Protein backbone atom coordinates (compact mmCIF):
# COMPACT_ATOMS: atom_id res chain seq x y z
CA UNK A 1 90.36 141.14 238.26
CA UNK A 2 88.07 139.64 235.68
CA UNK A 3 88.40 136.02 234.73
CA UNK A 4 87.15 136.14 231.13
CA UNK A 5 89.72 137.73 228.83
CA UNK A 6 88.53 136.34 225.50
CA UNK A 7 87.05 139.68 224.47
CA UNK A 8 89.41 142.40 223.23
CA UNK A 9 88.53 145.92 224.34
CA UNK A 10 89.71 149.11 222.71
CA UNK A 11 92.97 150.37 224.25
CA UNK A 12 91.26 153.44 225.76
CA UNK A 13 88.51 151.38 227.40
CA UNK A 14 91.05 148.83 228.64
CA UNK A 15 93.20 151.58 230.14
CA UNK A 16 90.23 153.18 231.90
CA UNK A 17 89.07 149.80 233.19
CA UNK A 18 92.56 148.94 234.46
CA UNK A 19 92.78 152.24 236.35
CA UNK A 20 89.32 151.77 237.81
CA UNK A 21 90.11 148.18 238.83
CA UNK A 22 93.13 149.47 240.74
CA UNK A 23 90.87 151.88 242.62
CA UNK A 24 88.28 149.13 243.17
CA UNK A 25 90.92 146.85 244.67
CA UNK A 26 91.72 149.56 247.20
CA UNK A 27 88.20 149.34 248.54
CA UNK A 28 86.32 152.61 248.13
CA UNK A 29 85.89 153.08 244.39
CA UNK A 30 82.34 151.69 244.33
CA UNK A 31 81.05 153.80 247.19
CA UNK A 32 78.08 155.23 245.28
CA UNK A 33 75.44 153.91 242.87
CA UNK A 34 76.85 156.14 240.11
CA UNK A 35 80.34 154.72 240.60
CA UNK A 36 78.94 151.19 240.33
CA UNK A 37 77.09 152.12 237.13
CA UNK A 38 80.20 153.66 235.57
CA UNK A 39 82.34 150.65 236.47
CA UNK A 40 79.80 148.15 235.10
CA UNK A 41 79.31 150.15 231.92
CA UNK A 42 83.08 150.07 231.30
CA UNK A 43 83.17 146.37 232.08
CA UNK A 44 80.21 145.17 229.99
CA UNK A 45 78.62 147.78 227.73
CA UNK A 46 80.57 147.11 224.56
CA UNK A 47 80.35 143.33 224.61
CA UNK A 48 78.88 141.78 221.44
CA UNK A 49 77.45 138.87 223.48
CA UNK A 50 75.76 138.50 226.85
CA UNK A 51 78.04 138.27 229.87
CA UNK A 52 76.96 137.61 233.47
CA UNK A 53 79.35 138.89 236.13
CA UNK A 54 79.39 139.14 239.90
CA UNK A 55 81.02 141.75 242.11
CA UNK A 56 81.94 139.95 245.33
CA UNK A 57 81.98 142.15 248.45
CA UNK A 58 83.23 141.74 252.00
CA UNK A 59 81.25 142.49 255.18
CA UNK A 60 81.96 146.23 254.80
CA UNK A 61 80.79 146.16 251.14
CA UNK A 62 84.34 146.57 249.85
CA UNK A 63 85.11 144.84 246.57
CA UNK A 64 86.91 141.53 246.90
CA UNK A 65 86.85 140.72 243.19
CA UNK A 66 84.76 141.10 240.07
CA UNK A 67 84.38 137.90 238.06
CA UNK A 68 82.75 137.28 234.72
CA UNK A 69 81.19 133.90 235.41
CA UNK A 70 79.13 133.13 232.30
CA UNK A 71 79.26 134.07 228.65
CA UNK A 72 76.37 133.53 226.28
CA UNK A 73 75.09 134.44 222.87
CA UNK A 74 73.74 137.66 221.43
CA UNK A 75 70.44 137.30 223.28
CA UNK A 76 70.95 135.03 226.29
CA UNK A 77 73.34 133.34 228.66
CA UNK A 78 72.91 130.36 230.97
CA UNK A 79 73.56 131.13 234.62
CA UNK A 80 73.93 128.33 237.16
CA UNK A 81 73.08 129.34 240.75
CA UNK A 82 75.24 126.54 242.16
CA UNK A 83 78.32 128.05 240.48
CA UNK A 84 77.53 131.54 241.78
CA UNK A 85 77.23 130.15 245.33
CA UNK A 86 80.51 128.21 244.97
CA UNK A 87 82.32 131.34 243.78
CA UNK A 88 80.88 133.44 246.64
CA UNK A 89 81.96 130.88 249.23
CA UNK A 90 85.43 130.56 247.68
CA UNK A 91 85.93 134.31 248.17
CA UNK A 92 84.30 134.42 251.61
CA UNK A 93 81.92 137.06 250.26
CA UNK A 94 79.31 138.61 252.52
CA UNK A 95 77.40 140.25 249.66
CA UNK A 96 77.28 140.41 245.88
CA UNK A 97 76.23 142.72 243.10
CA UNK A 98 74.95 140.80 240.09
CA UNK A 99 75.21 142.22 236.60
CA UNK A 100 74.76 141.31 232.98
CA UNK A 101 74.64 143.14 229.71
CA UNK A 102 72.03 143.34 226.97
CA UNK A 103 73.89 143.71 223.65
CA UNK A 104 70.57 144.59 221.99
CA UNK A 105 70.68 147.97 223.72
CA UNK A 106 67.32 147.39 225.44
CA UNK A 107 68.02 147.80 229.17
CA UNK A 108 64.66 146.72 230.55
CA UNK A 109 64.97 143.56 232.66
CA UNK A 110 63.13 140.59 231.19
CA UNK A 111 60.88 138.32 233.20
CA UNK A 112 63.63 135.68 232.95
CA UNK A 113 66.08 138.22 234.45
CA UNK A 114 63.70 138.80 237.35
CA UNK A 115 63.23 135.06 237.98
CA UNK A 116 66.98 134.45 237.85
CA UNK A 117 67.58 137.24 240.34
CA UNK A 118 65.08 135.77 242.79
CA UNK A 119 66.59 132.29 242.36
CA UNK A 120 70.10 133.61 242.99
CA UNK A 121 68.94 135.68 245.94
CA UNK A 122 67.34 132.60 247.54
CA UNK A 123 70.34 130.36 246.86
CA UNK A 124 72.83 132.87 248.21
CA UNK A 125 70.69 133.59 251.28
CA UNK A 126 71.11 129.94 252.28
CA UNK A 127 74.82 130.63 252.81
CA UNK A 128 74.33 134.11 254.31
CA UNK A 129 75.38 136.09 251.23
CA UNK A 130 73.23 139.14 250.49
CA UNK A 131 72.33 140.27 246.98
CA UNK A 132 72.62 144.06 247.06
CA UNK A 133 71.55 144.68 243.48
CA UNK A 134 71.38 143.33 239.95
CA UNK A 135 72.25 145.68 237.10
CA UNK A 136 71.39 145.36 233.41
CA UNK A 137 73.97 147.18 231.30
CA UNK A 138 73.76 148.58 227.77
CA UNK A 139 75.94 151.13 225.99
CA UNK A 140 73.68 154.00 226.98
CA UNK A 141 71.92 152.87 230.15
CA UNK A 142 72.34 150.88 233.35
CA UNK A 143 69.18 149.68 235.10
CA UNK A 144 69.16 148.77 238.81
CA UNK A 145 66.81 146.07 240.07
CA UNK A 146 66.95 147.57 243.59
CA UNK A 147 65.87 151.00 242.34
CA UNK A 148 63.01 149.38 240.43
CA UNK A 149 61.84 147.45 243.49
CA UNK A 150 62.64 144.09 241.86
CA UNK A 151 64.72 142.75 244.74
């Protein structure tokens, strides 16, 4: 399901992620906030560099596809709102969950993360795509923008 395959995961993590992606493709695997956290932690927590990904959802909030759109350095990645909108339209998505990792292990969203989220939310709203949440992932923690009142 993910586009970026340049990173090699451990066999155990890859197997767990493959099984979870099969469940996700069937529609109900991300039915709770905890399930979303677990999935995103498997997807991004062990990356040595920043990755920005989007979970594209249909009108019933079922997963269409998860795509790693941007890859950065140890401390940052460039995200282009135009590309996120193009990808959402290409999949006929009704909603998205945004996510990125912090390889540093510090899960607190930065001010730049907050500004990016608002920019993406505004850009996607123009084409009637809702941003349900934005998660920051580390090895030990996953922080939700929605739960923090940052959306």
